C-alpha atoms as a PDB file:
ATOM      1  CA  MET A   1       0.000   0.000   0.000  1.00  0.00           C
ATOM      2  CA  LEU A   2       2.913   2.329   0.734  1.00  0.00           C
ATOM      3  CA  SER A   3       4.340   1.732  -2.729  1.00  0.00           C
ATOM      4  CA  GLY A   4       0.921   2.560  -4.189  1.00  0.00           C
ATOM      5  CA  PHE A   5       0.768   5.825  -2.293  1.00  0.00           C
ATOM      6  CA  ILE A   6       4.343   6.784  -3.249  1.00  0.00           C
ATOM      7  CA  GLY A   7       3.627   5.917  -6.873  1.00  0.00           C
ATOM      8  CA  GLY A   8       0.488   8.054  -6.739  1.00  0.00           C
ATOM      9  CA  LEU A   9       2.519  10.978  -5.403  1.00  0.00           C
ATOM     10  CA  LEU A  10       4.960  10.611  -8.306  1.00  0.00           C
ATOM     11  CA  ILE A  11       2.074  10.628 -10.782  1.00  0.00           C
ATOM     12  CA  GLY A  12       0.740  13.738  -9.050  1.00  0.00           C
ATOM     13  CA  ILE A  13       4.170  15.397  -9.222  1.00  0.00           C
ATOM     14  CA  ALA A  14       4.410  14.711 -12.957  1.00  0.00           C
ATOM     15  CA  SER A  15       0.958  16.152 -13.683  1.00  0.00           C
ATOM     16  CA  THR A  16       1.654  19.138 -11.411  1.00  0.00           C
ATOM     17  CA  ILE A  17       4.911  19.912 -13.210  1.00  0.00           C
ATOM     18  CA  HIS A  18       3.125  19.730 -16.548  1.00  0.00           C
ATOM     19  CA  LEU A  19       0.351  22.106 -15.469  1.00  0.00           C
ATOM     20  CA  LEU A  20       2.711  24.474 -13.649  1.00  0.00           C
ATOM     21  CA  LEU A  21       5.334  24.790 -16.374  1.00  0.00           C
ATOM     22  CA  LYS A  22       3.259  24.365 -19.547  1.00  0.00           C
ATOM     23  CA  GLY A  23      -0.354  24.807 -18.423  1.00  0.00           C
ATOM     24  CA  ARG A  24      -1.447  21.395 -19.716  1.00  0.00           C
ATOM     25  CA  VAL A  25      -3.548  18.562 -18.331  1.00  0.00           C
ATOM     26  CA  THR A  26      -1.683  15.240 -18.473  1.00  0.00           C
ATOM     27  CA  GLY A  27      -4.235  12.970 -20.124  1.00  0.00           C
ATOM     28  CA  MET A  28      -2.535   9.837 -21.442  1.00  0.00           C
ATOM     29  CA  SER A  29      -5.324   8.872 -23.848  1.00  0.00           C
ATOM     30  CA  GLY A  30      -5.108  12.330 -25.426  1.00  0.00           C
ATOM     31  CA  ILE A  31      -1.329  12.031 -25.671  1.00  0.00           C
ATOM     32  CA  PHE A  32      -1.690   8.697 -27.443  1.00  0.00           C
ATOM     33  CA  ASN A  33      -4.315  10.105 -29.810  1.00  0.00           C
ATOM     34  CA  GLY A  34      -2.145  13.112 -30.621  1.00  0.00           C
ATOM     35  CA  MET A  35       0.699  10.836 -31.662  1.00  0.00           C
ATOM     36  CA  ILE A  36      -1.304   8.514 -33.887  1.00  0.00           C
ATOM     37  CA  THR A  37      -3.062  11.425 -35.601  1.00  0.00           C
ATOM     38  CA  LEU A  38       0.138  13.489 -35.895  1.00  0.00           C
ATOM     39  CA  ASP A  39      -1.613  16.621 -34.665  1.00  0.00           C
ATOM     40  CA  GLU A  40       0.086  19.958 -34.066  1.00  0.00           C
ATOM     41  CA  SER A  41       1.064  18.929 -30.531  1.00  0.00           C
ATOM     42  CA  ILE A  42       3.018  15.883 -31.711  1.00  0.00           C
ATOM     43  CA  THR A  43       6.357  17.282 -30.463  1.00  0.00           C
ATOM     44  CA  TRP A  44       5.560  17.521 -26.776  1.00  0.00           C
ATOM     45  CA  LYS A  45       3.310  14.461 -26.778  1.00  0.00           C
ATOM     46  CA  SER A  46       5.932  12.254 -28.402  1.00  0.00           C
ATOM     47  CA  SER A  47       8.513  13.637 -25.950  1.00  0.00           C
ATOM     48  CA  ILE A  48       6.336  12.462 -23.051  1.00  0.00           C
ATOM     49  CA  PHE A  49       6.014   9.080 -24.775  1.00  0.00           C
ATOM     50  CA  SER A  50       9.795   8.997 -25.089  1.00  0.00           C
ATOM     51  CA  GLY A  51      10.090   9.501 -21.327  1.00  0.00           C
ATOM     52  CA  LEU A  52       7.616   6.697 -20.649  1.00  0.00           C
ATOM     53  CA  LEU A  53       9.516   4.249 -22.861  1.00  0.00           C
ATOM     54  CA  PHE A  54      12.955   5.238 -21.611  1.00  0.00           C
ATOM     55  CA  THR A  55      12.082   4.887 -17.929  1.00  0.00           C
ATOM     56  CA  SER A  56      10.439   1.471 -18.170  1.00  0.00           C
ATOM     57  CA  SER A  57      13.327   0.184 -20.288  1.00  0.00           C
ATOM     58  CA  ILE A  58      15.945   1.334 -17.783  1.00  0.00           C
ATOM     59  CA  ALA A  59      13.859  -0.102 -14.937  1.00  0.00           C
ATOM     60  CA  TYR A  60      13.795  -3.458 -16.715  1.00  0.00           C
ATOM     61  CA  TYR A  61      17.566  -3.317 -17.224  1.00  0.00           C
ATOM     62  CA  ILE A  62      18.029  -2.862 -13.471  1.00  0.00           C
ATOM     63  CA  PHE A  63      15.335  -5.120 -11.987  1.00  0.00           C
ATOM     64  CA  GLY A  64      14.031  -7.363 -14.762  1.00  0.00           C
ATOM     65  CA  PHE A  65      11.027  -9.402 -13.633  1.00  0.00           C
ATOM     66  CA  GLY A  66      12.452  -9.803 -10.159  1.00  0.00           C
ATOM     67  CA  GLU A  67      11.573  -8.362  -6.780  1.00  0.00           C
ATOM     68  CA  VAL A  68      12.636  -4.791  -6.077  1.00  0.00           C
ATOM     69  CA  THR A  69      12.115  -4.729  -2.321  1.00  0.00           C
ATOM     70  CA  ASN A  70       9.638  -6.122   0.207  1.00  0.00           C
ATOM     71  CA  GLU A  71       7.657  -8.083  -2.386  1.00  0.00           C
ATOM     72  CA  VAL A  72       7.394  -5.050  -4.650  1.00  0.00           C
ATOM     73  CA  TYR A  73       7.613  -5.870  -8.364  1.00  0.00           C
ATOM     74  CA  LEU A  74       7.681  -3.431 -11.268  1.00  0.00           C
ATOM     75  CA  PHE A  75       6.601  -5.924 -13.934  1.00  0.00           C
ATOM     76  CA  ASP A  76       4.482  -9.049 -14.053  1.00  0.00           C
ATOM     77  CA  SER A  77       6.288 -12.225 -14.997  1.00  0.00           C
ATOM     78  CA  PRO A  78       5.570 -13.379 -18.576  1.00  0.00           C
ATOM     79  CA  GLU A  79       3.720 -16.380 -17.115  1.00  0.00           C
ATOM     80  CA  TRP A  80       1.310 -14.188 -15.151  1.00  0.00           C
ATOM     81  CA  PHE A  81       0.911 -11.628 -17.913  1.00  0.00           C
ATOM     82  CA  ASN A  82      -0.246 -14.426 -20.202  1.00  0.00           C
ATOM     83  CA  LYS A  83      -3.226 -15.059 -17.946  1.00  0.00           C
ATOM     84  CA  ARG A  84      -6.425 -13.474 -19.245  1.00  0.00           C
ATOM     85  CA  SER A  85      -4.411 -12.377 -22.285  1.00  0.00           C
ATOM     86  CA  ARG A  86      -5.793 -14.312 -25.221  1.00  0.00           C
ATOM     87  CA  THR A  87      -5.343 -12.371 -28.425  1.00  0.00           C
ATOM     88  CA  GLU A  88      -9.041 -11.717 -28.997  1.00  0.00           C
ATOM     89  CA  LEU A  89      -9.503 -10.467 -25.420  1.00  0.00           C
ATOM     90  CA  ILE A  90      -6.505  -8.130 -25.625  1.00  0.00           C
ATOM     91  CA  MET A  91      -7.746  -6.688 -28.922  1.00  0.00           C
ATOM     92  CA  LEU A  92     -11.307  -6.283 -27.690  1.00  0.00           C
ATOM     93  CA  ALA A  93     -10.035  -4.578 -24.518  1.00  0.00           C
ATOM     94  CA  GLY A  94      -7.860  -2.237 -26.580  1.00  0.00           C
ATOM     95  CA  PHE A  95     -10.747  -1.294 -28.876  1.00  0.00           C
ATOM     96  CA  LEU A  96     -13.063  -0.552 -25.949  1.00  0.00           C
ATOM     97  CA  VAL A  97     -10.382   1.488 -24.179  1.00  0.00           C
ATOM     98  CA  GLY A  98      -9.656   3.494 -27.324  1.00  0.00           C
ATOM     99  CA  PHE A  99     -13.286   4.071 -28.261  1.00  0.00           C
ATOM    100  CA  GLY A 100     -14.255   4.923 -24.690  1.00  0.00           C
ATOM    101  CA  THR A 101     -11.407   7.325 -23.948  1.00  0.00           C
ATOM    102  CA  LYS A 102     -11.963   9.246 -27.184  1.00  0.00           C
ATOM    103  CA  LEU A 103     -15.729   9.445 -26.752  1.00  0.00           C
ATOM    104  CA  GLY A 104     -15.466  10.279 -23.052  1.00  0.00           C
ATOM    105  CA  ASN A 105     -12.504  12.669 -23.431  1.00  0.00           C
ATOM    106  CA  GLY A 106     -10.220  11.001 -20.925  1.00  0.00           C
ATOM    107  CA  CYS A 107      -9.138   8.024 -18.832  1.00  0.00           C
ATOM    108  CA  THR A 108      -7.790   7.428 -15.324  1.00  0.00           C
ATOM    109  CA  SER A 109      -5.164  10.169 -15.721  1.00  0.00           C
ATOM    110  CA  GLY A 110      -7.176  12.891 -17.478  1.00  0.00           C
ATOM    111  CA  HIS A 111     -10.407  12.470 -15.520  1.00  0.00           C
ATOM    112  CA  GLY A 112      -9.042  10.940 -12.328  1.00  0.00           C
ATOM    113  CA  VAL A 113      -5.598  12.371 -11.575  1.00  0.00           C
ATOM    114  CA  CYS A 114      -6.188  15.750 -13.247  1.00  0.00           C
ATOM    115  CA  GLY A 115      -9.984  16.120 -13.227  1.00  0.00           C
ATOM    116  CA  LEU A 116     -10.952  15.318  -9.654  1.00  0.00           C
ATOM    117  CA  PRO A 117      -8.481  17.840  -8.115  1.00  0.00           C
ATOM    118  CA  ARG A 118     -10.094  20.549 -10.269  1.00  0.00           C
ATOM    119  CA  PHE A 119     -13.510  19.589  -8.833  1.00  0.00           C
ATOM    120  CA  SER A 120     -14.696  18.857 -12.364  1.00  0.00           C
ATOM    121  CA  ILE A 121     -18.232  17.474 -12.210  1.00  0.00           C
ATOM    122  CA  ARG A 122     -17.687  15.842 -15.616  1.00  0.00           C
ATOM    123  CA  SER A 123     -14.583  14.055 -14.388  1.00  0.00           C
ATOM    124  CA  LEU A 124     -16.358  12.907 -11.239  1.00  0.00           C
ATOM    125  CA  ALA A 125     -19.172  11.437 -13.335  1.00  0.00           C
ATOM    126  CA  ALA A 126     -16.652   9.789 -15.656  1.00  0.00           C
ATOM    127  CA  VAL A 127     -14.613   8.283 -12.806  1.00  0.00           C
ATOM    128  CA  VAL A 128     -17.688   6.873 -11.055  1.00  0.00           C
ATOM    129  CA  THR A 129     -18.936   5.419 -14.344  1.00  0.00           C
ATOM    130  CA  PHE A 130     -15.721   3.781 -15.523  1.00  0.00           C
ATOM    131  CA  MET A 131     -14.889   2.423 -12.077  1.00  0.00           C
ATOM    132  CA  LEU A 132     -18.332   0.814 -11.870  1.00  0.00           C
ATOM    133  CA  THR A 133     -18.148  -0.795 -15.316  1.00  0.00           C
ATOM    134  CA  ALA A 134     -14.525  -1.858 -14.750  1.00  0.00           C
ATOM    135  CA  PHE A 135     -15.480  -3.688 -11.554  1.00  0.00           C
ATOM    136  CA  ILE A 136     -18.407  -5.352 -13.316  1.00  0.00           C
ATOM    137  CA  MET A 137     -16.371  -6.493 -16.323  1.00  0.00           C
ATOM    138  CA  ALA A 138     -13.375  -7.671 -14.284  1.00  0.00           C
ATOM    139  CA  ASN A 139     -15.563  -9.874 -12.130  1.00  0.00           C
ATOM    140  CA  ILE A 140     -17.587 -11.229 -15.049  1.00  0.00           C
ATOM    141  CA  SER A 141     -14.352 -12.029 -16.864  1.00  0.00           C
ATOM    142  CA  TYR A 142     -12.768 -13.675 -13.824  1.00  0.00           C
ATOM    143  CA  TYR A 143     -15.692 -15.837 -12.815  1.00  0.00           C
ATOM    144  CA  THR A 144     -16.893 -16.702 -16.326  1.00  0.00           C
ATOM    145  CA  PHE A 145     -13.859 -16.966 -18.581  1.00  0.00           C
ATOM    146  CA  GLU A 146     -10.956 -17.775 -16.267  1.00  0.00           C
ATOM    147  CA  ASP A 147     -10.621 -21.394 -17.460  1.00  0.00           C
ATOM    148  CA  ALA A 148     -10.627 -20.337 -21.094  1.00  0.00           C
ATOM    149  CA  HIS A 149      -7.653 -18.097 -20.509  1.00  0.00           C
ATOM    150  CA  GLU A 150      -5.354 -21.086 -20.198  1.00  0.00           C
ATOM    151  CA  GLU A 151      -5.201 -21.237 -23.986  1.00  0.00           C
ATOM    152  CA  ILE A 152      -2.992 -18.239 -24.687  1.00  0.00           C
ATOM    153  CA  PHE A 153      -0.974 -16.819 -27.513  1.00  0.00           C
ATOM    154  CA  SER A 154       2.795 -17.111 -27.232  1.00  0.00           C
ATOM    155  CA  LEU A 155       4.692 -14.340 -25.474  1.00  0.00           C
ATOM    156  CA  GLN A 156       8.307 -13.586 -26.313  1.00  0.00           C
ATOM    157  CA  SER A 157      11.068 -15.133 -24.220  1.00  0.00           C
ATOM    158  CA  GLU A 158      13.124 -13.044 -21.804  1.00  0.00           C
ATOM    159  CA  ASP A 159      15.903 -12.936 -24.412  1.00  0.00           C
ATOM    160  CA  SER A 160      13.584 -11.291 -26.921  1.00  0.00           C
ATOM    161  CA  VAL A 161      12.338  -8.953 -24.171  1.00  0.00           C
ATOM    162  CA  ASP A 162      15.938  -7.781 -23.809  1.00  0.00           C
ATOM    163  CA  CYS A 163      16.023  -7.159 -27.554  1.00  0.00           C
ATOM    164  CA  PHE A 164      12.818  -5.113 -27.525  1.00  0.00           C
ATOM    165  CA  VAL A 165      14.030  -3.114 -24.521  1.00  0.00           C
ATOM    166  CA  HIS A 166      17.264  -2.254 -26.362  1.00  0.00           C
ATOM    167  CA  TRP A 167      15.209  -1.025 -29.292  1.00  0.00           C
ATOM    168  CA  ALA A 168      12.918   0.975 -26.992  1.00  0.00           C
ATOM    169  CA  VAL A 169      15.864   2.884 -25.503  1.00  0.00           C
ATOM    170  CA  GLY A 170      17.090   3.665 -28.999  1.00  0.00           C
ATOM    171  CA  VAL A 171      13.633   4.767 -30.139  1.00  0.00           C
ATOM    172  CA  SER A 172      13.142   7.021 -27.111  1.00  0.00           C
ATOM    173  CA  VAL A 173      16.496   8.736 -27.717  1.00  0.00           C
ATOM    174  CA  LEU A 174      15.760   9.016 -31.441  1.00  0.00           C
ATOM    175  CA  ILE A 175      12.405  10.683 -30.745  1.00  0.00           C
ATOM    176  CA  LEU A 176      14.121  13.298 -28.601  1.00  0.00           C
ATOM    177  CA  LEU A 177      16.805  13.984 -31.196  1.00  0.00           C
ATOM    178  CA  VAL A 178      14.282  14.301 -34.024  1.00  0.00           C
ATOM    179  CA  ASN A 179      12.120  16.644 -31.951  1.00  0.00           C
ATOM    180  CA  ILE A 180      15.112  18.834 -31.113  1.00  0.00           C
ATOM    181  CA  LEU A 181      16.366  18.903 -34.717  1.00  0.00           C
ATOM    182  CA  ARG A 182      12.972  19.803 -36.176  1.00  0.00           C
ATOM    183  CA  ASN A 183      12.311  22.348 -33.440  1.00  0.00           C
ATOM    184  CA  LYS A 184      11.534  25.797 -34.824  1.00  0.00           C
ATOM    185  CA  LYS A 185      10.866  27.556 -31.513  1.00  0.00           C
ATOM    186  CA  GLY A 186      14.497  27.973 -30.537  1.00  0.00           C
ATOM    187  CA  TYR A 187      15.340  27.897 -26.844  1.00  0.00           C
ATOM    188  CA  GLN A 188      11.685  27.721 -25.769  1.00  0.00           C
ATOM    189  CA  GLY A 189      11.123  24.700 -27.972  1.00  0.00           C
ATOM    190  CA  VAL A 190      14.048  22.834 -26.433  1.00  0.00           C
ATOM    191  CA  ILE A 191      12.781  23.672 -22.944  1.00  0.00           C
ATOM    192  CA  GLU A 192       9.353  22.298 -23.883  1.00  0.00           C
ATOM    193  CA  ILE A 193      10.878  19.031 -25.111  1.00  0.00           C
ATOM    194  CA  ILE A 194      12.940  18.640 -21.928  1.00  0.00           C
ATOM    195  CA  ILE A 195       9.925  19.370 -19.709  1.00  0.00           C
ATOM    196  CA  SER A 196       7.773  16.881 -21.606  1.00  0.00           C
ATOM    197  CA  PHE A 197      10.435  14.181 -21.387  1.00  0.00           C
ATOM    198  CA  ALA A 198      10.810  14.795 -17.639  1.00  0.00           C
ATOM    199  CA  VAL A 199       7.028  14.553 -17.183  1.00  0.00           C
ATOM    200  CA  GLY A 200       7.087  11.218 -19.001  1.00  0.00           C
ATOM    201  CA  VAL A 201       9.952   9.922 -16.849  1.00  0.00           C
ATOM    202  CA  ILE A 202       8.302  10.852 -13.537  1.00  0.00           C
ATOM    203  CA  PHE A 203       4.853   9.667 -14.652  1.00  0.00           C
ATOM    204  CA  SER A 204       6.339   6.338 -15.756  1.00  0.00           C
ATOM    205  CA  LEU A 205       8.119   5.942 -12.416  1.00  0.00           C
ATOM    206  CA  GLY A 206       4.806   6.559 -10.673  1.00  0.00           C
ATOM    207  CA  LEU A 207       3.027   3.905 -12.728  1.00  0.00           C
ATOM    208  CA  LEU A 208       5.799   1.377 -12.129  1.00  0.00           C
ATOM    209  CA  VAL A 209       6.207   1.972  -8.393  1.00  0.00           C
ATOM    210  CA  SER A 210       2.460   2.068  -7.748  1.00  0.00           C
ATOM    211  CA  GLY A 211       1.729  -1.162  -9.608  1.00  0.00           C
ATOM    212  CA  MET A 212      -0.523   0.504 -12.178  1.00  0.00           C
ATOM    213  CA  ALA A 213       1.720  -0.948 -14.911  1.00  0.00           C
ATOM    214  CA  ARG A 214       1.091  -4.475 -13.619  1.00  0.00           C
ATOM    215  CA  LYS A 215      -1.996  -6.140 -14.974  1.00  0.00           C
ATOM    216  CA  SER A 216      -2.055  -8.504 -12.006  1.00  0.00           C
ATOM    217  CA  LYS A 217      -2.226  -5.550  -9.603  1.00  0.00           C
ATOM    218  CA  VAL A 218      -4.996  -3.792 -11.514  1.00  0.00           C
ATOM    219  CA  LEU A 219      -7.135  -6.910 -11.930  1.00  0.00           C
ATOM    220  CA  GLY A 220      -6.372  -7.854  -8.327  1.00  0.00           C
ATOM    221  CA  PHE A 221      -8.028  -4.589  -7.306  1.00  0.00           C
ATOM    222  CA  LEU A 222     -10.946  -4.779  -9.749  1.00  0.00           C
ATOM    223  CA  THR A 223     -11.780  -8.439  -9.016  1.00  0.00           C
ATOM    224  CA  PHE A 224     -13.510  -9.313  -5.755  1.00  0.00           C
ATOM    225  CA  ASN A 225     -12.211 -12.618  -4.417  1.00  0.00           C
ATOM    226  CA  LYS A 226     -10.241 -13.887  -1.426  1.00  0.00           C
ATOM    227  CA  HIS A 227      -7.089 -12.294  -2.878  1.00  0.00           C
ATOM    228  CA  TRP A 228      -8.640  -8.841  -3.354  1.00  0.00           C
ATOM    229  CA  ASP A 229      -5.925  -6.152  -3.275  1.00  0.00           C
ATOM    230  CA  PRO A 230      -7.070  -2.637  -2.233  1.00  0.00           C
ATOM    231  CA  ALA A 231      -3.639  -1.052  -2.827  1.00  0.00           C
ATOM    232  CA  LEU A 232      -4.618   0.840  -5.981  1.00  0.00           C
ATOM    233  CA  MET A 233      -6.997   3.016  -3.966  1.00  0.00           C
ATOM    234  CA  PHE A 234      -3.887   4.609  -2.495  1.00  0.00           C
ATOM    235  CA  VAL A 235      -2.519   5.369  -5.968  1.00  0.00           C
ATOM    236  CA  MET A 236      -5.420   7.603  -6.930  1.00  0.00           C
ATOM    237  CA  GLY A 237      -5.555   8.910  -3.367  1.00  0.00           C
ATOM    238  CA  GLY A 238      -1.910   9.977  -3.391  1.00  0.00           C
ATOM    239  CA  ALA A 239      -2.127  11.648  -6.799  1.00  0.00           C
ATOM    240  CA  VAL A 240      -5.400  13.464  -6.117  1.00  0.00           C
ATOM    241  CA  MET A 241      -4.375  14.536  -2.609  1.00  0.00           C
ATOM    242  CA  LEU A 242      -1.240  16.219  -3.926  1.00  0.00           C
ATOM    243  CA  ASN A 243      -2.966  17.783  -6.926  1.00  0.00           C
ATOM    244  CA  LEU A 244      -5.745  19.221  -4.785  1.00  0.00           C
ATOM    245  CA  LEU A 245      -3.128  21.508  -3.281  1.00  0.00           C
ATOM    246  CA  THR A 246      -0.911  22.143  -6.282  1.00  0.00           C
ATOM    247  CA  PHE A 247      -3.700  22.594  -8.836  1.00  0.00           C
ATOM    248  CA  TYR A 248      -5.421  25.080  -6.512  1.00  0.00           C
ATOM    249  CA  TYR A 249      -2.236  27.129  -6.290  1.00  0.00           C
ATOM    250  CA  ILE A 250      -1.613  27.021 -10.041  1.00  0.00           C
ATOM    251  CA  MET A 251      -5.188  27.798 -11.094  1.00  0.00           C
ATOM    252  CA  ARG A 252      -6.150  30.291  -8.391  1.00  0.00           C
ATOM    253  CA  LYS A 253      -2.906  31.961  -7.383  1.00  0.00           C
ATOM    254  CA  ARG A 254      -0.586  31.836 -10.383  1.00  0.00           C
ATOM    255  CA  GLN A 255      -3.310  31.663 -13.065  1.00  0.00           C
ATOM    256  CA  LYS A 256      -0.714  31.084 -15.796  1.00  0.00           C
ATOM    257  CA  PRO A 257       2.079  28.595 -16.465  1.00  0.00           C
ATOM    258  CA  VAL A 258       5.755  29.426 -16.070  1.00  0.00           C
ATOM    259  CA  PHE A 259       6.451  28.850 -19.769  1.00  0.00           C
ATOM    260  CA  GLY A 260       3.236  29.992 -21.405  1.00  0.00           C
ATOM    261  CA  GLU A 261       0.505  32.585 -21.468  1.00  0.00           C
ATOM    262  CA  LYS A 262      -2.539  30.570 -20.412  1.00  0.00           C
ATOM    263  CA  LEU A 263      -3.760  27.398 -18.740  1.00  0.00           C
ATOM    264  CA  ASN A 264      -5.343  25.020 -21.237  1.00  0.00           C
ATOM    265  CA  ILE A 265      -8.026  23.400 -19.120  1.00  0.00           C
ATOM    266  CA  PRO A 266     -11.314  21.879 -20.391  1.00  0.00           C
ATOM    267  CA  SER A 267     -14.235  24.197 -19.723  1.00  0.00           C
ATOM    268  CA  ASN A 268     -17.195  21.959 -20.609  1.00  0.00           C
ATOM    269  CA  LYS A 269     -19.143  21.198 -17.435  1.00  0.00           C
ATOM    270  CA  LYS A 270     -22.024  19.287 -18.988  1.00  0.00           C
ATOM    271  CA  ILE A 271     -22.563  15.620 -18.150  1.00  0.00           C
ATOM    272  CA  ASP A 272     -23.958  14.277 -21.411  1.00  0.00           C
ATOM    273  CA  LEU A 273     -24.627  10.905 -22.995  1.00  0.00           C
ATOM    274  CA  LYS A 274     -21.340  10.987 -24.886  1.00  0.00           C
ATOM    275  CA  LEU A 275     -19.340  11.337 -21.666  1.00  0.00           C
ATOM    276  CA  VAL A 276     -21.194   8.589 -19.823  1.00  0.00           C
ATOM    277  CA  MET A 277     -21.114   6.161 -22.746  1.00  0.00           C
ATOM    278  CA  GLY A 278     -17.413   6.800 -23.337  1.00  0.00           C
ATOM    279  CA  ALA A 279     -16.525   6.334 -19.672  1.00  0.00           C
ATOM    280  CA  ALA A 280     -18.609   3.160 -19.489  1.00  0.00           C
ATOM    281  CA  LEU A 281     -16.925   1.635 -22.543  1.00  0.00           C
ATOM    282  CA  PHE A 282     -13.478   2.582 -21.259  1.00  0.00           C
ATOM    283  CA  GLY A 283     -14.281   0.908 -17.950  1.00  0.00           C
ATOM    284  CA  LEU A 284     -15.372  -2.267 -19.732  1.00  0.00           C
ATOM    285  CA  GLY A 285     -12.106  -2.376 -21.674  1.00  0.00           C
ATOM    286  CA  TRP A 286     -10.015  -1.621 -18.602  1.00  0.00           C
ATOM    287  CA  GLY A 287     -11.808  -4.282 -16.562  1.00  0.00           C
ATOM    288  CA  LEU A 288     -11.369  -6.848 -19.329  1.00  0.00           C
ATOM    289  CA  GLY A 289      -7.681  -6.257 -20.030  1.00  0.00           C
ATOM    290  CA  GLY A 290      -6.393  -4.579 -16.874  1.00  0.00           C
ATOM    291  CA  ILE A 291      -4.585  -2.022 -19.027  1.00  0.00           C
ATOM    292  CA  CYS A 292      -5.283   1.659 -19.700  1.00  0.00           C
ATOM    293  CA  PRO A 293      -3.457   4.057 -22.076  1.00  0.00           C
ATOM    294  CA  GLY A 294      -0.617   5.224 -19.811  1.00  0.00           C
ATOM    295  CA  PRO A 295       0.468   1.773 -18.603  1.00  0.00           C
ATOM    296  CA  ALA A 296       0.065   0.393 -22.140  1.00  0.00           C
ATOM    297  CA  MET A 297       2.693   2.821 -23.431  1.00  0.00           C
ATOM    298  CA  VAL A 298       4.967   2.180 -20.441  1.00  0.00           C
ATOM    299  CA  ILE A 299       5.036  -1.620 -20.738  1.00  0.00           C
ATOM    300  CA  THR A 300       5.269  -1.777 -24.536  1.00  0.00           C
ATOM    301  CA  PRO A 301       8.994  -2.720 -24.510  1.00  0.00           C
ATOM    302  CA  ILE A 302       8.366  -5.501 -21.981  1.00  0.00           C
ATOM    303  CA  TYR A 303       5.328  -7.182 -23.548  1.00  0.00           C
ATOM    304  CA  PHE A 304       5.852  -5.939 -27.087  1.00  0.00           C
ATOM    305  CA  LYS A 305       3.709  -8.412 -29.016  1.00  0.00           C
ATOM    306  CA  SER A 306       0.615  -8.113 -26.859  1.00  0.00           C
ATOM    307  CA  MET A 307       0.927  -4.341 -26.438  1.00  0.00           C
ATOM    308  CA  ILE A 308       1.242  -3.773 -30.177  1.00  0.00           C
ATOM    309  CA  GLN A 309      -2.018  -5.661 -30.596  1.00  0.00           C
ATOM    310  CA  PHE A 310      -3.580  -3.678 -27.765  1.00  0.00           C
ATOM    311  CA  MET A 311      -2.463  -0.287 -29.083  1.00  0.00           C
ATOM    312  CA  ILE A 312      -3.439  -1.008 -32.696  1.00  0.00           C
ATOM    313  CA  SER A 313      -6.882  -1.908 -31.386  1.00  0.00           C
ATOM    314  CA  MET A 314      -6.901   1.191 -29.172  1.00  0.00           C
ATOM    315  CA  ALA A 315      -6.007   3.393 -32.146  1.00  0.00           C
ATOM    316  CA  THR A 316      -8.778   1.761 -34.175  1.00  0.00           C
ATOM    317  CA  GLY A 317     -11.246   2.399 -31.382  1.00  0.00           C
ATOM    318  CA  GLN A 318     -10.263   6.065 -31.191  1.00  0.00           C
ATOM    319  CA  TYR A 319     -10.586   6.378 -34.970  1.00  0.00           C
ATOM    320  CA  PHE A 320     -14.166   5.095 -34.996  1.00  0.00           C
ATOM    321  CA  ALA A 321     -15.044   7.088 -31.869  1.00  0.00           C
ATOM    322  CA  LYS A 322     -13.899  10.265 -33.602  1.00  0.00           C
ATOM    323  CA  HIS A 323     -16.563   9.837 -36.283  1.00  0.00           C
ATOM    324  CA  VAL A 324     -19.228   9.048 -33.689  1.00  0.00           C
ATOM    325  CA  GLU A 325     -18.112  12.108 -31.719  1.00  0.00           C
ATOM    326  CA  GLU A 326     -18.342  14.359 -34.781  1.00  0.00           C
ATOM    327  CA  LYS A 327     -21.876  13.193 -35.528  1.00  0.00           C
ATOM    328  CA  PHE A 328     -22.853  13.687 -31.898  1.00  0.00           C
ATOM    329  CA  GLU A 329     -21.422  17.220 -31.800  1.00  0.00           C
ATOM    330  CA  LYS A 330     -23.259  18.154 -34.999  1.00  0.00           C
ATOM    331  CA  SER A 331     -26.522  16.886 -33.571  1.00  0.00           C
ATOM    332  CA  VAL A 332     -26.249  18.797 -30.280  1.00  0.00           C
ATOM    333  CA  GLY A 333     -23.994  21.668 -31.344  1.00  0.00           C
ATOM    334  CA  ILE A 334     -21.469  21.195 -28.538  1.00  0.00           C
ATOM    335  CA  LYS A 335     -17.724  20.986 -28.794  1.00  0.00           C
ATOM    336  CA  GLU A 336     -15.452  21.103 -25.763  1.00  0.00           C
ATOM    337  CA  GLN A 337     -12.981  23.980 -25.783  1.00  0.00           C
ATOM    338  CA  PRO A 338     -10.058  24.624 -23.469  1.00  0.00           C
ATOM    339  CA  GLN A 339     -10.674  27.112 -20.712  1.00  0.00           C
ATOM    340  CA  ILE A 340      -8.324  30.079 -20.854  1.00  0.00           C
ATOM    341  CA  HIS A 341      -7.188  31.504 -17.544  1.00  0.00           C
ATOM    342  CA  PRO A 342      -5.827  35.027 -18.132  1.00  0.00           C
ATOM    343  CA  PRO A 343      -2.977  36.325 -16.018  1.00  0.00           C
ATOM    344  CA  CYS A 344      -3.965  37.901 -12.736  1.00  0.00           C
ATOM    345  CA  LYS A 345      -3.861  41.704 -12.908  1.00  0.00           C
ATOM    346  CA  CYS A 346      -4.056  42.273  -9.203  1.00  0.00           C
END
């Protein structure tokens, strides 16, 4: 439980740094979507992704699948990760997570870690909804399909894990170099890349230390049985507790980021069908697979084959959700815009 709380604090620190220095909410599903769609924010989003990859790869170099301390593990063993990981289940989970996070505008990080501390009524509704559906799906999956999960697709050996981790370190460094070389903002652009990378590093550390990157830990929390593990409550608790204080200071006292002119915070306060449906579908996917967008990016080097399947499915889900979202917005005439907090003139 202590490791969960410490990991939550690290996640809170990462999201606080991002809001304080750049005025941005750290939503991992939005970061993933920005990379696959190559939007105008690709530089800072890919730099965060680089930090996620780099940190998990270095952590694997140091600890592997072994114990860190006091029965704390950063990664599930390949044998455990295979459980409840049949190809069709992983792909279905990824699709639901992608579709749900795009339709509902966020996941555990955007709505939970960054939304609840802002007292966002939309985020509260989303969190309640996806937690409920995640619990339902995890328990249905455990008690109904557990025997079927013995027939699993092959996972790479530890030797091939080492190979993928080597590649991940190279890719993360390459992303940084490319972003710096194509930077057209001069000194400010380099600072932005460094900040984004640092946010990714700290966020990844938080996910690893807390257990959020371990499918066994997540499903152990979502599934009610004699081995029920309540530790993940302390992850969200640690992150939200810290951000309640820091977000208040940033939004109410500073009212602008250190390196920027405004805070880019969602202003839509309406709880609509799109939000609830998206959160519900995300919860179903999370409860089925035990993986959400942030952890998926973090553990890609470790479980490369299954995570590629998951993220391709997640990208597909976000693609289809985008078209549903556009039709919904046309029908109701609503589109969420960032809230601009002007500098304080007092």
